[in-house]
Amino acid sequence: MTALPSKVLLVQACTGIATPDHPVLLACQELACLHKARLDYSITDIPEIDSARRKAVREVDRWLSASGTQAPTAPFLHTETVGMVIDRIAEYSIAAQAGSAQGVLELHRHYLWQRMSELAVAYEDLASEIYAGRRRVPDLADPRPQTCGLTIRQANT
């Protein structure tokens, strides 16, 4: 059974401090780069960026399914997949970094950093509960998400 990376490693992957050597950290780093690209308002291919984000989220969820980390009989179900949680951590990490660089009001910068920190703590709690077999996440790692002809539109976060 392979454990998920720590919150510290996730944040380091988002900020580019460390070189990731774990599939989840590589996806996290890619998600951070995609959120950074999304901040550039001159970019017209936001749908392509969001599509790449969905693929990275699915890669995290596929890794979790294949790793044996999650007990399928865990009594409690979380509302989001691990990939979704990591995507939100990457989003707030990039927003907080951009806010610091762009001179955003201190109160708003504080909110962004606090939100990212709380998500990172929640991620680590979730990872711990998954590893202990107390919690599982939805298995949404279908390799063909559009097999029934429906396209699921995700809300912009």
Protein backbone atom coordinates (compact mmCIF):
# COMPACT_ATOMS: atom_id res chain seq x y z
CA MET A 1 0.00 0.00 0.00
CA THR A 2 1.46 3.33 -1.07
CA ALA A 3 0.75 6.47 0.93
CA LEU A 4 -0.26 9.76 -0.60
CA PRO A 5 2.33 12.57 -0.44
CA SER A 6 2.27 14.96 2.51
CA LYS A 7 0.69 18.41 2.39
CA VAL A 8 4.18 19.96 2.59
CA LEU A 9 5.28 18.14 -0.56
CA LEU A 10 2.06 19.17 -2.33
CA VAL A 11 2.59 22.84 -1.52
CA GLN A 12 6.24 22.58 -2.58
CA ALA A 13 5.12 21.05 -5.89
CA CYS A 14 2.65 23.93 -6.40
CA THR A 15 5.27 26.57 -5.71
CA GLY A 16 8.05 24.89 -7.68
CA ILE A 17 10.33 24.63 -4.63
CA ALA A 18 10.90 20.89 -5.02
CA THR A 19 11.30 18.56 -7.96
CA PRO A 20 8.47 16.03 -7.71
CA ASP A 21 9.26 12.33 -7.92
CA HIS A 22 5.77 10.97 -7.22
CA PRO A 23 2.94 10.73 -9.80
CA VAL A 24 0.58 12.71 -7.55
CA LEU A 25 3.17 15.46 -7.08
CA LEU A 26 3.82 15.63 -10.82
CA ALA A 27 0.09 16.06 -11.44
CA CYS A 28 -0.06 18.68 -8.69
CA GLN A 29 2.78 20.62 -10.30
CA GLU A 30 1.03 20.42 -13.67
CA LEU A 31 -2.23 21.64 -12.12
CA ALA A 32 -0.39 24.61 -10.61
CA CYS A 33 1.10 25.47 -14.01
CA LEU A 34 -2.34 25.22 -15.61
CA HIS A 35 -3.89 27.51 -12.98
CA LYS A 36 -1.05 29.96 -13.54
CA ALA A 37 -1.73 29.92 -17.29
CA ARG A 38 -5.43 30.50 -16.55
CA LEU A 39 -4.57 33.76 -14.77
CA ASP A 40 -3.26 35.22 -18.03
CA TYR A 41 -6.38 36.98 -19.30
CA SER A 42 -4.91 37.30 -22.79
CA ILE A 43 -5.16 33.54 -23.25
CA THR A 44 -8.16 32.54 -25.32
CA ASP A 45 -7.82 28.79 -24.88
CA ILE A 46 -9.22 28.51 -21.34
CA PRO A 47 -11.36 25.50 -22.38
CA GLU A 48 -8.15 23.68 -23.39
CA ILE A 49 -6.55 24.55 -20.05
CA ASP A 50 -9.61 23.29 -18.17
CA SER A 51 -9.58 20.10 -20.22
CA ALA A 52 -5.92 19.55 -19.28
CA ARG A 53 -6.84 20.18 -15.63
CA ARG A 54 -9.56 17.51 -15.80
CA LYS A 55 -7.05 15.07 -17.28
CA ALA A 56 -4.54 15.77 -14.49
CA VAL A 57 -7.27 15.31 -11.87
CA ARG A 58 -8.22 11.97 -13.46
CA GLU A 59 -4.57 10.89 -13.46
CA VAL A 60 -4.39 11.44 -9.69
CA ASP A 61 -7.61 9.50 -9.22
CA ARG A 62 -6.44 6.67 -11.50
CA TRP A 63 -3.18 6.45 -9.55
CA LEU A 64 -5.11 6.22 -6.27
CA SER A 65 -7.35 3.48 -7.68
CA ALA A 66 -4.39 1.49 -8.99
CA SER A 67 -2.13 1.99 -5.96
CA GLY A 68 -4.17 -0.04 -3.51
CA THR A 69 -4.03 2.88 -1.08
CA GLN A 70 -7.80 3.04 -0.69
CA ALA A 71 -9.86 0.34 1.02
CA PRO A 72 -13.03 -0.16 -1.04
CA THR A 73 -14.90 -1.17 2.13
CA ALA A 74 -14.06 1.98 4.12
CA PRO A 75 -17.19 3.02 6.01
CA PHE A 76 -17.17 6.73 5.15
CA LEU A 77 -17.30 8.32 1.71
CA HIS A 78 -15.71 11.72 1.05
CA THR A 79 -17.55 14.12 -1.26
CA GLU A 80 -14.64 14.79 -3.65
CA THR A 81 -11.88 12.76 -5.22
CA VAL A 82 -8.27 13.33 -4.16
CA GLY A 83 -7.58 14.82 -7.60
CA MET A 84 -10.33 17.41 -7.08
CA VAL A 85 -8.91 18.39 -3.70
CA ILE A 86 -5.40 18.73 -5.14
CA ASP A 87 -6.75 20.86 -8.00
CA ARG A 88 -8.24 23.29 -5.47
CA ILE A 89 -4.98 23.39 -3.49
CA ALA A 90 -3.11 24.24 -6.70
CA GLU A 91 -5.69 26.89 -7.58
CA TYR A 92 -5.45 28.70 -4.23
CA SER A 93 -1.67 28.33 -4.11
CA ILE A 94 -1.30 30.07 -7.48
CA ALA A 95 -3.89 32.71 -6.57
CA ALA A 96 -2.06 33.46 -3.30
CA GLN A 97 1.31 33.70 -5.07
CA ALA A 98 -0.17 35.95 -7.76
CA GLY A 99 -1.85 38.11 -5.14
CA SER A 100 1.46 38.65 -3.40
CA ALA A 101 3.18 39.53 -6.66
CA GLN A 102 0.43 41.85 -7.89
CA GLY A 103 -0.01 43.91 -4.76
CA VAL A 104 -3.47 42.64 -3.84
CA LEU A 105 -4.89 44.05 -0.60
CA GLU A 106 -3.38 42.39 2.47
CA LEU A 107 -6.74 41.17 3.75
CA HIS A 108 -7.45 39.37 0.46
CA ARG A 109 -3.91 37.91 0.31
CA HIS A 110 -4.39 36.63 3.86
CA TYR A 111 -7.67 34.98 2.83
CA LEU A 112 -6.02 33.24 -0.15
CA TRP A 113 -3.09 31.91 1.90
CA GLN A 114 -5.41 30.84 4.72
CA ARG A 115 -7.74 29.04 2.30
CA MET A 116 -4.83 27.21 0.67
CA SER A 117 -3.46 26.24 4.11
CA GLU A 118 -6.83 24.95 5.29
CA LEU A 119 -7.24 22.91 2.10
CA ALA A 120 -3.76 21.44 2.59
CA VAL A 121 -4.58 20.44 6.18
CA ALA A 122 -7.90 18.94 5.04
CA TYR A 123 -6.04 17.02 2.29
CA GLU A 124 -3.60 15.57 4.82
CA ASP A 125 -6.47 14.55 7.12
CA LEU A 126 -8.19 12.90 4.16
CA ALA A 127 -4.98 11.12 3.08
CA SER A 128 -4.49 9.85 6.63
CA GLU A 129 -8.05 8.54 6.84
CA ILE A 130 -7.78 6.87 3.43
CA TYR A 131 -4.53 5.17 4.45
CA ALA A 132 -6.06 4.00 7.74
CA GLY A 133 -9.07 2.55 5.88
CA ARG A 134 -11.60 4.84 7.57
CA ARG A 135 -12.56 6.88 4.51
CA ARG A 136 -12.78 6.38 0.77
CA VAL A 137 -13.28 8.79 -2.10
CA PRO A 138 -15.64 8.43 -5.05
CA ASP A 139 -14.17 6.27 -7.80
CA LEU A 140 -14.62 8.58 -10.79
CA ALA A 141 -11.50 7.42 -12.62
CA ASP A 142 -13.34 6.01 -15.66
CA PRO A 143 -10.79 5.99 -18.49
CA ARG A 144 -13.50 6.99 -20.96
CA PRO A 145 -15.55 9.77 -19.32
CA GLN A 146 -17.70 10.46 -22.40
CA THR A 147 -18.70 6.89 -23.31
CA CYS A 148 -22.43 7.51 -23.06
CA GLY A 149 -22.39 10.54 -25.33
CA LEU A 150 -22.83 13.04 -22.51
CA THR A 151 -20.36 15.80 -21.86
CA ILE A 152 -20.20 16.82 -18.23
CA ARG A 153 -19.53 20.50 -17.86
CA GLN A 154 -17.55 21.48 -14.78
CA ALA A 155 -18.14 24.80 -13.12
CA ASN A 156 -15.29 27.28 -13.24
CA THR A 157 -13.60 27.37 -9.85
